[in-house]
Amino acid sequence: MRFPIVVHKDADTGYGVTVPDLPGCFSAGDTLDGVIESAPEAIACHIEGLLMDGEPVPARASLEAHQGNDDYRGGVWAIVVST
């Protein structure tokens, strides 16, 4: 499955990734490449946890809908594939 992610970085921190379609799913790292590469694993683990708990996997929204959310303003967007 393809998921949009948004990457943020503050001046004194590493990079943080949020997966807007999966509330509570996030990852962090020291480099932009590193957090993008680690995002599929975070997504897979999050979905596995949802399924183990008997929770539904939330429906995905369009990238445009997420980009309009002020919570993600100023972030760098990418699309990742998680198996």
C-alpha atoms as a PDB file:
ATOM      1  CA  MET A   1       0.000   0.000   0.000  1.00  0.00           C
ATOM      2  CA  ARG A   2       1.099   3.546  -0.685  1.00  0.00           C
ATOM      3  CA  PHE A   3       1.025   6.087   2.128  1.00  0.00           C
ATOM      4  CA  PRO A   4       1.809   9.786   2.124  1.00  0.00           C
ATOM      5  CA  ILE A   5       4.171  10.840   4.883  1.00  0.00           C
ATOM      6  CA  VAL A   6       5.159  14.278   6.078  1.00  0.00           C
ATOM      7  CA  VAL A   7       8.621  15.005   7.436  1.00  0.00           C
ATOM      8  CA  HIS A   8       9.346  17.837   9.852  1.00  0.00           C
ATOM      9  CA  LYS A   9      12.608  19.113  11.262  1.00  0.00           C
ATOM     10  CA  ASP A  10      13.140  21.719  13.920  1.00  0.00           C
ATOM     11  CA  ALA A  11      16.442  23.549  14.214  1.00  0.00           C
ATOM     12  CA  ASP A  12      17.682  21.609  17.256  1.00  0.00           C
ATOM     13  CA  THR A  13      16.218  18.159  16.543  1.00  0.00           C
ATOM     14  CA  GLY A  14      16.411  15.265  14.117  1.00  0.00           C
ATOM     15  CA  TYR A  15      13.770  14.530  11.524  1.00  0.00           C
ATOM     16  CA  GLY A  16      10.303  13.335  12.454  1.00  0.00           C
ATOM     17  CA  VAL A  17       7.861  11.489  10.192  1.00  0.00           C
ATOM     18  CA  THR A  18       4.104  11.485  10.603  1.00  0.00           C
ATOM     19  CA  VAL A  19       1.758   9.203   8.660  1.00  0.00           C
ATOM     20  CA  PRO A  20      -1.458  11.236   8.411  1.00  0.00           C
ATOM     21  CA  ASP A  21      -3.605   8.232   7.446  1.00  0.00           C
ATOM     22  CA  LEU A  22      -2.490   6.301  10.538  1.00  0.00           C
ATOM     23  CA  PRO A  23      -2.960   8.438  13.658  1.00  0.00           C
ATOM     24  CA  GLY A  24      -0.230   7.631  16.149  1.00  0.00           C
ATOM     25  CA  CYS A  25       2.156   6.248  13.532  1.00  0.00           C
ATOM     26  CA  PHE A  26       5.457   8.077  13.478  1.00  0.00           C
ATOM     27  CA  SER A  27       9.182   7.596  13.070  1.00  0.00           C
ATOM     28  CA  ALA A  28      12.282   9.693  13.678  1.00  0.00           C
ATOM     29  CA  GLY A  29      15.910   9.806  12.645  1.00  0.00           C
ATOM     30  CA  ASP A  30      18.982  11.879  12.021  1.00  0.00           C
ATOM     31  CA  THR A  31      18.714  12.236   8.224  1.00  0.00           C
ATOM     32  CA  LEU A  32      15.957  12.895   5.741  1.00  0.00           C
ATOM     33  CA  ASP A  33      16.873   9.792   3.735  1.00  0.00           C
ATOM     34  CA  GLY A  34      16.948   7.702   6.897  1.00  0.00           C
ATOM     35  CA  VAL A  35      13.466   8.658   8.084  1.00  0.00           C
ATOM     36  CA  ILE A  36      11.960   8.119   4.652  1.00  0.00           C
ATOM     37  CA  GLU A  37      13.616   4.686   4.469  1.00  0.00           C
ATOM     38  CA  SER A  38      12.372   3.748   7.965  1.00  0.00           C
ATOM     39  CA  ALA A  39       8.776   4.878   7.371  1.00  0.00           C
ATOM     40  CA  PRO A  40       7.578   1.642   5.669  1.00  0.00           C
ATOM     41  CA  GLU A  41       8.654  -0.407   8.692  1.00  0.00           C
ATOM     42  CA  ALA A  42       6.870   1.982  11.067  1.00  0.00           C
ATOM     43  CA  ILE A  43       3.724   1.734   8.929  1.00  0.00           C
ATOM     44  CA  ALA A  44       3.866  -2.077   8.794  1.00  0.00           C
ATOM     45  CA  CYS A  45       4.339  -2.312  12.579  1.00  0.00           C
ATOM     46  CA  HIS A  46       1.498   0.135  13.212  1.00  0.00           C
ATOM     47  CA  ILE A  47      -0.911  -1.754  10.952  1.00  0.00           C
ATOM     48  CA  GLU A  48       0.113  -5.065  12.523  1.00  0.00           C
ATOM     49  CA  GLY A  49      -0.642  -3.621  15.954  1.00  0.00           C
ATOM     50  CA  LEU A  50      -4.058  -2.399  14.830  1.00  0.00           C
ATOM     51  CA  LEU A  51      -4.937  -5.805  13.419  1.00  0.00           C
ATOM     52  CA  MET A  52      -3.697  -7.645  16.521  1.00  0.00           C
ATOM     53  CA  ASP A  53      -5.915  -5.390  18.640  1.00  0.00           C
ATOM     54  CA  GLY A  54      -8.907  -6.047  16.390  1.00  0.00           C
ATOM     55  CA  GLU A  55      -8.962  -2.413  15.260  1.00  0.00           C
ATOM     56  CA  PRO A  56      -9.744  -1.429  11.676  1.00  0.00           C
ATOM     57  CA  VAL A  57      -7.090   0.108   9.471  1.00  0.00           C
ATOM     58  CA  PRO A  58      -8.260   3.691   8.858  1.00  0.00           C
ATOM     59  CA  ALA A  59      -9.318   4.685   5.361  1.00  0.00           C
ATOM     60  CA  ARG A  60      -6.737   6.631   3.425  1.00  0.00           C
ATOM     61  CA  ALA A  61      -7.429  10.224   2.406  1.00  0.00           C
ATOM     62  CA  SER A  62      -6.060  12.023  -0.614  1.00  0.00           C
ATOM     63  CA  LEU A  63      -2.685  13.704  -0.442  1.00  0.00           C
ATOM     64  CA  GLU A  64      -4.400  16.999  -1.250  1.00  0.00           C
ATOM     65  CA  ALA A  65      -6.672  16.626   1.784  1.00  0.00           C
ATOM     66  CA  HIS A  66      -3.669  16.101   4.051  1.00  0.00           C
ATOM     67  CA  GLN A  67      -1.752  18.999   2.533  1.00  0.00           C
ATOM     68  CA  GLY A  68      -4.624  21.284   3.492  1.00  0.00           C
ATOM     69  CA  ASN A  69      -4.249  20.345   7.177  1.00  0.00           C
ATOM     70  CA  ASP A  70      -2.457  23.076   9.139  1.00  0.00           C
ATOM     71  CA  ASP A  71      -0.838  20.422  11.388  1.00  0.00           C
ATOM     72  CA  TYR A  72       1.406  19.440   8.468  1.00  0.00           C
ATOM     73  CA  ARG A  73       2.262  22.933   7.233  1.00  0.00           C
ATOM     74  CA  GLY A  74       5.930  23.379   6.414  1.00  0.00           C
ATOM     75  CA  GLY A  75       6.630  19.666   6.130  1.00  0.00           C
ATOM     76  CA  VAL A  76       8.238  17.780   3.293  1.00  0.00           C
ATOM     77  CA  TRP A  77       5.914  15.259   1.653  1.00  0.00           C
ATOM     78  CA  ALA A  78       6.825  11.856   0.285  1.00  0.00           C
ATOM     79  CA  ILE A  79       4.980   8.716  -0.742  1.00  0.00           C
ATOM     80  CA  VAL A  80       6.202   5.403   0.679  1.00  0.00           C
ATOM     81  CA  VAL A  81       5.188   1.858  -0.076  1.00  0.00           C
ATOM     82  CA  SER A  82       4.581  -0.549   2.785  1.00  0.00           C
ATOM     83  CA  THR A  83       3.923  -4.243   2.305  1.00  0.00           C
END
